[in-house]
Amino acid sequence: MMNEQGKSDGAVVPAKSPNKARKQPAAEGMEGSALAKGNSSEQNTRRIQGRERVQNALGRVRQVAVRERKLKFTSLMHHIANVDSLREAYFSLKREAASGVDGMTWKHYGEDLEACLADLADRLKRGAYRAKPVKRTYIPKADGKQRPLGVPVLEDKIVQYACVMVLNAVYETEFLGFSYGYRPGRSQHKCLDALYVGMLTKKVNWIIDADIRGFLDRVSYCPRVHEDYSNSCGC
């Protein structure tokens, strides 16, 4: 965190202009990734057309979120339980990631992708989808301790990523340019780059480095319940 006599450091973000979604719809597109070997041109065409439909649908959600700052979205599930959204989520996952408790890999799931996605979408729409247990594994830390890591099954990853795409369309409009935490196309490395540029080009009075130890292990979760749906939207 930097401070130049009380000013924000939003102007020193390198290679990324501050998010101007507060004034106009954000124009950030989703990056694609190459098809796995063996995918047909028909599947490639289906994916491209599906991606365009997903981007158009989420673009409308984003525009509403920008235009109506106090609007409450009450029905976005149809954007998640959609074969196009699920396909885009599938191709956004890491190909060689570890499998979950069911042993399903990205490659194996893709051997009959359209049928699998159609079945997944149907279960989501009927409310029959149930997340499977998360496999626990541990990775070593530099201090000799171990960090617990949960590995969901592939279908859970697909559904989670589809949820992220929809939530990003709504909440990305709220962030400022100097925000880097868990945002699409941003990382801690880009944050450090921005900090470095700021230190070289601005008169910095102070820098704060804070590490909230075990925060997510201790925070109390209290879901907010909205009782007033008089100003709601189901885009």
C-alpha atoms as a PDB file:
ATOM      1  CA  MET A   1       0.000   0.000   0.000  1.00  0.00           C
ATOM      2  CA  MET A   2       1.440   3.405  -1.000  1.00  0.00           C
ATOM      3  CA  ASN A   3       0.580   6.981  -0.139  1.00  0.00           C
ATOM      4  CA  GLU A   4       1.722  10.131  -1.877  1.00  0.00           C
ATOM      5  CA  GLN A   5       0.386  12.810   0.422  1.00  0.00           C
ATOM      6  CA  GLY A   6      -2.982  11.107   0.659  1.00  0.00           C
ATOM      7  CA  LYS A   7      -3.380  10.329  -3.032  1.00  0.00           C
ATOM      8  CA  SER A   8      -4.303   6.982  -4.535  1.00  0.00           C
ATOM      9  CA  ASP A   9      -1.670   5.007  -6.409  1.00  0.00           C
ATOM     10  CA  GLY A  10      -4.120   4.031  -9.145  1.00  0.00           C
ATOM     11  CA  ALA A  11      -2.224   5.976 -11.807  1.00  0.00           C
ATOM     12  CA  VAL A  12       0.922   3.881 -11.573  1.00  0.00           C
ATOM     13  CA  VAL A  13      -0.549   0.582 -12.673  1.00  0.00           C
ATOM     14  CA  PRO A  14       1.726  -0.611 -15.517  1.00  0.00           C
ATOM     15  CA  ALA A  15       0.318  -2.025 -18.748  1.00  0.00           C
ATOM     16  CA  LYS A  16      -3.185  -2.046 -17.226  1.00  0.00           C
ATOM     17  CA  SER A  17      -5.314   1.083 -17.286  1.00  0.00           C
ATOM     18  CA  PRO A  18      -7.546   1.604 -14.230  1.00  0.00           C
ATOM     19  CA  ASN A  19     -10.906  -0.078 -14.483  1.00  0.00           C
ATOM     20  CA  LYS A  20     -13.276   2.568 -15.842  1.00  0.00           C
ATOM     21  CA  ALA A  21     -16.394   0.463 -15.501  1.00  0.00           C
ATOM     22  CA  ARG A  22     -17.901   3.052 -13.159  1.00  0.00           C
ATOM     23  CA  LYS A  23     -18.320   5.359 -16.159  1.00  0.00           C
ATOM     24  CA  GLN A  24     -18.896   2.864 -18.938  1.00  0.00           C
ATOM     25  CA  PRO A  25     -19.251  -0.893 -19.454  1.00  0.00           C
ATOM     26  CA  ALA A  26     -15.991  -2.726 -18.970  1.00  0.00           C
ATOM     27  CA  ALA A  27     -14.500  -3.986 -22.216  1.00  0.00           C
ATOM     28  CA  GLU A  28     -12.237  -6.699 -20.870  1.00  0.00           C
ATOM     29  CA  GLY A  29     -12.554  -9.877 -22.938  1.00  0.00           C
ATOM     30  CA  MET A  30     -11.869 -13.376 -21.754  1.00  0.00           C
ATOM     31  CA  GLU A  31      -8.729 -15.031 -23.029  1.00  0.00           C
ATOM     32  CA  GLY A  32      -9.154 -18.286 -24.875  1.00  0.00           C
ATOM     33  CA  SER A  33      -6.915 -21.307 -24.925  1.00  0.00           C
ATOM     34  CA  ALA A  34      -5.983 -23.817 -27.583  1.00  0.00           C
ATOM     35  CA  LEU A  35      -8.125 -26.863 -28.210  1.00  0.00           C
ATOM     36  CA  ALA A  36      -6.876 -30.238 -27.110  1.00  0.00           C
ATOM     37  CA  LYS A  37      -5.550 -32.532 -29.793  1.00  0.00           C
ATOM     38  CA  GLY A  38      -8.241 -34.482 -31.545  1.00  0.00           C
ATOM     39  CA  ASN A  39     -10.975 -31.853 -31.334  1.00  0.00           C
ATOM     40  CA  SER A  40     -12.861 -31.539 -34.592  1.00  0.00           C
ATOM     41  CA  SER A  41     -13.421 -28.333 -36.546  1.00  0.00           C
ATOM     42  CA  GLU A  42     -17.130 -28.703 -35.748  1.00  0.00           C
ATOM     43  CA  GLN A  43     -16.355 -28.629 -32.030  1.00  0.00           C
ATOM     44  CA  ASN A  44     -14.064 -25.654 -32.592  1.00  0.00           C
ATOM     45  CA  THR A  45     -16.853 -23.778 -34.377  1.00  0.00           C
ATOM     46  CA  ARG A  46     -19.308 -24.664 -31.624  1.00  0.00           C
ATOM     47  CA  ARG A  47     -16.914 -23.345 -29.013  1.00  0.00           C
ATOM     48  CA  ILE A  48     -16.292 -20.032 -30.824  1.00  0.00           C
ATOM     49  CA  GLN A  49     -20.005 -19.436 -31.329  1.00  0.00           C
ATOM     50  CA  GLY A  50     -20.708 -20.438 -27.734  1.00  0.00           C
ATOM     51  CA  ARG A  51     -18.046 -18.056 -26.434  1.00  0.00           C
ATOM     52  CA  GLU A  52     -19.612 -15.182 -28.374  1.00  0.00           C
ATOM     53  CA  ARG A  53     -23.023 -15.952 -26.866  1.00  0.00           C
ATOM     54  CA  VAL A  54     -21.521 -16.119 -23.368  1.00  0.00           C
ATOM     55  CA  GLN A  55     -19.685 -12.814 -23.795  1.00  0.00           C
ATOM     56  CA  ASN A  56     -22.803 -11.121 -25.139  1.00  0.00           C
ATOM     57  CA  ALA A  57     -24.945 -12.403 -22.271  1.00  0.00           C
ATOM     58  CA  LEU A  58     -22.413 -11.440 -19.587  1.00  0.00           C
ATOM     59  CA  GLY A  59     -21.893  -8.104 -21.329  1.00  0.00           C
ATOM     60  CA  ARG A  60     -25.579  -7.333 -20.809  1.00  0.00           C
ATOM     61  CA  VAL A  61     -25.262  -8.249 -17.135  1.00  0.00           C
ATOM     62  CA  ARG A  62     -22.220  -5.993 -16.840  1.00  0.00           C
ATOM     63  CA  GLN A  63     -24.030  -3.076 -18.474  1.00  0.00           C
ATOM     64  CA  VAL A  64     -26.930  -3.403 -16.049  1.00  0.00           C
ATOM     65  CA  ALA A  65     -24.515  -3.595 -13.105  1.00  0.00           C
ATOM     66  CA  VAL A  66     -22.839  -0.369 -14.263  1.00  0.00           C
ATOM     67  CA  ARG A  67     -26.064   1.468 -15.047  1.00  0.00           C
ATOM     68  CA  GLU A  68     -28.000   0.450 -11.913  1.00  0.00           C
ATOM     69  CA  ARG A  69     -25.574   0.694  -8.999  1.00  0.00           C
ATOM     70  CA  LYS A  70     -28.145  -0.351  -6.354  1.00  0.00           C
ATOM     71  CA  LEU A  71     -29.770  -3.107  -8.379  1.00  0.00           C
ATOM     72  CA  LYS A  72     -30.026  -6.544  -6.756  1.00  0.00           C
ATOM     73  CA  PHE A  73     -29.549  -9.475  -9.127  1.00  0.00           C
ATOM     74  CA  THR A  74     -31.899 -12.253  -8.060  1.00  0.00           C
ATOM     75  CA  SER A  75     -31.728 -14.692 -10.965  1.00  0.00           C
ATOM     76  CA  LEU A  76     -28.422 -15.397 -12.675  1.00  0.00           C
ATOM     77  CA  MET A  77     -28.476 -19.187 -12.482  1.00  0.00           C
ATOM     78  CA  HIS A  78     -29.476 -19.558 -16.127  1.00  0.00           C
ATOM     79  CA  HIS A  79     -26.124 -18.051 -17.117  1.00  0.00           C
ATOM     80  CA  ILE A  80     -24.339 -20.756 -15.123  1.00  0.00           C
ATOM     81  CA  ALA A  81     -26.551 -23.731 -16.047  1.00  0.00           C
ATOM     82  CA  ASN A  82     -25.851 -23.089 -19.710  1.00  0.00           C
ATOM     83  CA  VAL A  83     -23.893 -25.422 -21.975  1.00  0.00           C
ATOM     84  CA  ASP A  84     -22.021 -22.518 -23.586  1.00  0.00           C
ATOM     85  CA  SER A  85     -20.906 -21.176 -20.188  1.00  0.00           C
ATOM     86  CA  LEU A  86     -19.914 -24.635 -18.979  1.00  0.00           C
ATOM     87  CA  ARG A  87     -17.951 -25.300 -22.178  1.00  0.00           C
ATOM     88  CA  GLU A  88     -16.070 -22.013 -21.802  1.00  0.00           C
ATOM     89  CA  ALA A  89     -15.332 -22.898 -18.179  1.00  0.00           C
ATOM     90  CA  TYR A  90     -14.060 -26.345 -19.176  1.00  0.00           C
ATOM     91  CA  PHE A  91     -11.592 -24.948 -21.713  1.00  0.00           C
ATOM     92  CA  SER A  92     -10.377 -22.377 -19.172  1.00  0.00           C
ATOM     93  CA  LEU A  93      -9.211 -25.051 -16.724  1.00  0.00           C
ATOM     94  CA  LYS A  94      -5.652 -26.335 -16.483  1.00  0.00           C
ATOM     95  CA  ARG A  95      -5.226 -29.447 -18.630  1.00  0.00           C
ATOM     96  CA  GLU A  96      -2.755 -31.224 -16.361  1.00  0.00           C
ATOM     97  CA  ALA A  97      -4.300 -30.329 -12.998  1.00  0.00           C
ATOM     98  CA  ALA A  98      -4.622 -33.092 -10.396  1.00  0.00           C
ATOM     99  CA  SER A  99      -7.873 -35.050 -10.444  1.00  0.00           C
ATOM    100  CA  GLY A 100     -10.297 -35.153  -7.531  1.00  0.00           C
ATOM    101  CA  VAL A 101     -11.767 -38.071  -5.617  1.00  0.00           C
ATOM    102  CA  ASP A 102     -13.440 -39.490  -8.737  1.00  0.00           C
ATOM    103  CA  GLY A 103     -10.183 -39.632 -10.719  1.00  0.00           C
ATOM    104  CA  MET A 104     -11.703 -37.763 -13.684  1.00  0.00           C
ATOM    105  CA  THR A 105      -9.118 -35.889 -15.765  1.00  0.00           C
ATOM    106  CA  TRP A 106      -9.618 -32.968 -18.139  1.00  0.00           C
ATOM    107  CA  LYS A 107      -8.687 -35.112 -21.142  1.00  0.00           C
ATOM    108  CA  HIS A 108     -10.980 -37.992 -20.263  1.00  0.00           C
ATOM    109  CA  TYR A 109     -13.948 -35.678 -19.657  1.00  0.00           C
ATOM    110  CA  GLY A 110     -13.404 -34.080 -23.050  1.00  0.00           C
ATOM    111  CA  GLU A 111     -13.673 -37.379 -24.928  1.00  0.00           C
ATOM    112  CA  ASP A 112     -17.462 -37.005 -24.862  1.00  0.00           C
ATOM    113  CA  LEU A 113     -17.567 -33.331 -23.930  1.00  0.00           C
ATOM    114  CA  GLU A 114     -20.886 -32.195 -25.364  1.00  0.00           C
ATOM    115  CA  ALA A 115     -22.831 -35.066 -23.829  1.00  0.00           C
ATOM    116  CA  CYS A 116     -21.129 -34.526 -20.459  1.00  0.00           C
ATOM    117  CA  LEU A 117     -21.836 -30.801 -20.501  1.00  0.00           C
ATOM    118  CA  ALA A 118     -25.456 -31.307 -21.527  1.00  0.00           C
ATOM    119  CA  ASP A 119     -25.941 -33.732 -18.634  1.00  0.00           C
ATOM    120  CA  LEU A 120     -24.242 -31.332 -16.212  1.00  0.00           C
ATOM    121  CA  ALA A 121     -26.397 -28.413 -17.388  1.00  0.00           C
ATOM    122  CA  ASP A 122     -29.539 -30.525 -16.994  1.00  0.00           C
ATOM    123  CA  ARG A 123     -28.629 -31.471 -13.408  1.00  0.00           C
ATOM    124  CA  LEU A 124     -27.944 -27.840 -12.554  1.00  0.00           C
ATOM    125  CA  LYS A 125     -31.304 -26.727 -13.963  1.00  0.00           C
ATOM    126  CA  ARG A 126     -33.200 -29.461 -12.091  1.00  0.00           C
ATOM    127  CA  GLY A 127     -31.382 -28.786  -8.840  1.00  0.00           C
ATOM    128  CA  ALA A 128     -30.021 -32.332  -8.925  1.00  0.00           C
ATOM    129  CA  TYR A 129     -26.346 -31.360  -9.055  1.00  0.00           C
ATOM    130  CA  ARG A 130     -24.402 -32.218  -5.907  1.00  0.00           C
ATOM    131  CA  ALA A 131     -20.778 -31.272  -5.291  1.00  0.00           C
ATOM    132  CA  LYS A 132     -18.507 -34.196  -4.446  1.00  0.00           C
ATOM    133  CA  PRO A 133     -16.056 -34.339  -1.504  1.00  0.00           C
ATOM    134  CA  VAL A 134     -12.817 -32.410  -1.927  1.00  0.00           C
ATOM    135  CA  LYS A 135      -9.589 -34.402  -1.880  1.00  0.00           C
ATOM    136  CA  ARG A 136      -7.152 -33.145   0.746  1.00  0.00           C
ATOM    137  CA  THR A 137      -3.472 -32.971  -0.070  1.00  0.00           C
ATOM    138  CA  TYR A 138      -0.545 -31.079   1.403  1.00  0.00           C
ATOM    139  CA  ILE A 139       2.247 -29.078  -0.204  1.00  0.00           C
ATOM    140  CA  PRO A 140       5.503 -28.190   1.586  1.00  0.00           C
ATOM    141  CA  LYS A 141       6.204 -24.582   2.596  1.00  0.00           C
ATOM    142  CA  ALA A 142       9.562 -22.835   2.720  1.00  0.00           C
ATOM    143  CA  ASP A 143       9.568 -22.857   6.533  1.00  0.00           C
ATOM    144  CA  GLY A 144       9.198 -26.648   6.657  1.00  0.00           C
ATOM    145  CA  LYS A 145       5.472 -26.615   7.421  1.00  0.00           C
ATOM    146  CA  GLN A 146       2.772 -27.960   5.113  1.00  0.00           C
ATOM    147  CA  ARG A 147      -0.025 -26.039   3.469  1.00  0.00           C
ATOM    148  CA  PRO A 148      -3.349 -27.924   3.136  1.00  0.00           C
ATOM    149  CA  LEU A 149      -4.751 -27.937  -0.378  1.00  0.00           C
ATOM    150  CA  GLY A 150      -8.197 -29.065  -1.522  1.00  0.00           C
ATOM    151  CA  VAL A 151      -8.622 -30.657  -4.959  1.00  0.00           C
ATOM    152  CA  PRO A 152     -12.241 -30.610  -6.249  1.00  0.00           C
ATOM    153  CA  VAL A 153     -13.468 -33.005  -8.913  1.00  0.00           C
ATOM    154  CA  LEU A 154     -13.441 -31.722 -12.496  1.00  0.00           C
ATOM    155  CA  GLU A 155     -17.183 -31.032 -12.713  1.00  0.00           C
ATOM    156  CA  ASP A 156     -17.031 -28.961  -9.538  1.00  0.00           C
ATOM    157  CA  LYS A 157     -14.208 -26.924 -11.088  1.00  0.00           C
ATOM    158  CA  ILE A 158     -16.311 -26.358 -14.211  1.00  0.00           C
ATOM    159  CA  VAL A 159     -19.315 -25.159 -12.209  1.00  0.00           C
ATOM    160  CA  GLN A 160     -17.137 -22.982  -9.974  1.00  0.00           C
ATOM    161  CA  TYR A 161     -15.462 -21.331 -12.964  1.00  0.00           C
ATOM    162  CA  ALA A 162     -18.844 -20.684 -14.595  1.00  0.00           C
ATOM    163  CA  CYS A 163     -19.950 -19.024 -11.344  1.00  0.00           C
ATOM    164  CA  VAL A 164     -16.814 -16.884 -11.346  1.00  0.00           C
ATOM    165  CA  MET A 165     -17.502 -15.664 -14.883  1.00  0.00           C
ATOM    166  CA  VAL A 166     -20.996 -14.531 -13.910  1.00  0.00           C
ATOM    167  CA  LEU A 167     -19.910 -12.953 -10.612  1.00  0.00           C
ATOM    168  CA  ASN A 168     -17.072 -11.107 -12.352  1.00  0.00           C
ATOM    169  CA  ALA A 169     -19.583  -9.547 -14.740  1.00  0.00           C
ATOM    170  CA  VAL A 170     -21.394  -8.077 -11.725  1.00  0.00           C
ATOM    171  CA  TYR A 171     -18.629  -7.230  -9.270  1.00  0.00           C
ATOM    172  CA  GLU A 172     -15.695  -6.268 -11.514  1.00  0.00           C
ATOM    173  CA  THR A 173     -17.479  -2.954 -12.035  1.00  0.00           C
ATOM    174  CA  GLU A 174     -16.895  -2.150  -8.344  1.00  0.00           C
ATOM    175  CA  PHE A 175     -13.100  -2.382  -8.341  1.00  0.00           C
ATOM    176  CA  LEU A 176     -10.613   0.406  -8.914  1.00  0.00           C
ATOM    177  CA  GLY A 177      -7.513   0.203 -11.078  1.00  0.00           C
ATOM    178  CA  PHE A 178      -5.092  -0.390  -8.203  1.00  0.00           C
ATOM    179  CA  SER A 179      -6.942  -3.485  -6.959  1.00  0.00           C
ATOM    180  CA  TYR A 180      -5.213  -6.775  -7.841  1.00  0.00           C
ATOM    181  CA  GLY A 181      -6.574  -9.449  -5.510  1.00  0.00           C
ATOM    182  CA  TYR A 182      -8.125 -12.442  -7.295  1.00  0.00           C
ATOM    183  CA  ARG A 183      -9.127 -10.466 -10.373  1.00  0.00           C
ATOM    184  CA  PRO A 184      -9.081 -11.719 -13.979  1.00  0.00           C
ATOM    185  CA  GLY A 185      -5.877 -10.929 -15.839  1.00  0.00           C
ATOM    186  CA  ARG A 186      -4.119  -9.718 -12.697  1.00  0.00           C
ATOM    187  CA  SER A 187      -1.667 -11.266 -10.281  1.00  0.00           C
ATOM    188  CA  GLN A 188       0.597 -10.535  -7.340  1.00  0.00           C
ATOM    189  CA  HIS A 189       3.483 -10.115  -9.786  1.00  0.00           C
ATOM    190  CA  LYS A 190       1.684  -7.310 -11.613  1.00  0.00           C
ATOM    191  CA  CYS A 191       0.906  -5.747  -8.251  1.00  0.00           C
ATOM    192  CA  LEU A 192       4.602  -5.767  -7.378  1.00  0.00           C
ATOM    193  CA  ASP A 193       5.387  -4.248 -10.780  1.00  0.00           C
ATOM    194  CA  ALA A 194       2.953  -1.408 -10.065  1.00  0.00           C
ATOM    195  CA  LEU A 195       4.500  -0.873  -6.640  1.00  0.00           C
ATOM    196  CA  TYR A 196       7.990  -0.753  -8.158  1.00  0.00           C
ATOM    197  CA  VAL A 197       6.957   1.806 -10.786  1.00  0.00           C
ATOM    198  CA  GLY A 198       5.238   3.886  -8.120  1.00  0.00           C
ATOM    199  CA  MET A 199       8.335   3.949  -5.950  1.00  0.00           C
ATOM    200  CA  LEU A 200      10.457   5.105  -8.896  1.00  0.00           C
ATOM    201  CA  THR A 201       8.105   7.748 -10.292  1.00  0.00           C
ATOM    202  CA  LYS A 202       6.234   9.114  -7.263  1.00  0.00           C
ATOM    203  CA  LYS A 203       7.217  10.806  -4.046  1.00  0.00           C
ATOM    204  CA  VAL A 204       6.196   8.047  -1.620  1.00  0.00           C
ATOM    205  CA  ASN A 205       5.816   8.886   2.060  1.00  0.00           C
ATOM    206  CA  TRP A 206       5.218   5.374   3.362  1.00  0.00           C
ATOM    207  CA  ILE A 207       4.650   1.760   2.362  1.00  0.00           C
ATOM    208  CA  ILE A 208       2.714  -0.760   4.448  1.00  0.00           C
ATOM    209  CA  ASP A 209       3.257  -4.523   4.148  1.00  0.00           C
ATOM    210  CA  ALA A 210       0.615  -6.453   6.115  1.00  0.00           C
ATOM    211  CA  ASP A 211       0.067 -10.195   6.309  1.00  0.00           C
ATOM    212  CA  ILE A 212      -3.173 -11.254   8.017  1.00  0.00           C
ATOM    213  CA  ARG A 213      -2.132 -14.606   9.420  1.00  0.00           C
ATOM    214  CA  GLY A 214      -4.688 -17.401   8.999  1.00  0.00           C
ATOM    215  CA  PHE A 215      -7.458 -14.916   8.214  1.00  0.00           C
ATOM    216  CA  LEU A 216      -9.597 -17.279   6.145  1.00  0.00           C
ATOM    217  CA  ASP A 217      -9.249 -19.945   8.855  1.00  0.00           C
ATOM    218  CA  ARG A 218     -10.663 -17.634  11.522  1.00  0.00           C
ATOM    219  CA  VAL A 219     -13.094 -15.238   9.844  1.00  0.00           C
ATOM    220  CA  SER A 220     -16.774 -15.593  10.772  1.00  0.00           C
ATOM    221  CA  TYR A 221     -18.994 -15.929   7.733  1.00  0.00           C
ATOM    222  CA  CYS A 222     -22.340 -14.170   7.948  1.00  0.00           C
ATOM    223  CA  PRO A 223     -24.353 -14.364   4.706  1.00  0.00           C
ATOM    224  CA  ARG A 224     -26.309 -11.255   3.895  1.00  0.00           C
ATOM    225  CA  VAL A 225     -30.038 -11.809   3.369  1.00  0.00           C
ATOM    226  CA  HIS A 226     -31.843  -9.320   1.166  1.00  0.00           C
ATOM    227  CA  GLU A 227     -35.474  -8.959   2.149  1.00  0.00           C
ATOM    228  CA  ASP A 228     -36.426  -6.218  -0.289  1.00  0.00           C
ATOM    229  CA  TYR A 229     -36.598  -7.353  -3.913  1.00  0.00           C
ATOM    230  CA  SER A 230     -38.590  -4.357  -5.141  1.00  0.00           C
ATOM    231  CA  ASN A 231     -35.548  -3.236  -7.132  1.00  0.00           C
ATOM    232  CA  SER A 232     -34.224  -6.501  -8.496  1.00  0.00           C
ATOM    233  CA  CYS A 233     -33.089  -7.946 -11.774  1.00  0.00           C
ATOM    234  CA  GLY A 234     -32.962 -11.389 -13.310  1.00  0.00           C
ATOM    235  CA  CYS A 235     -30.863 -10.634 -16.395  1.00  0.00           C
END
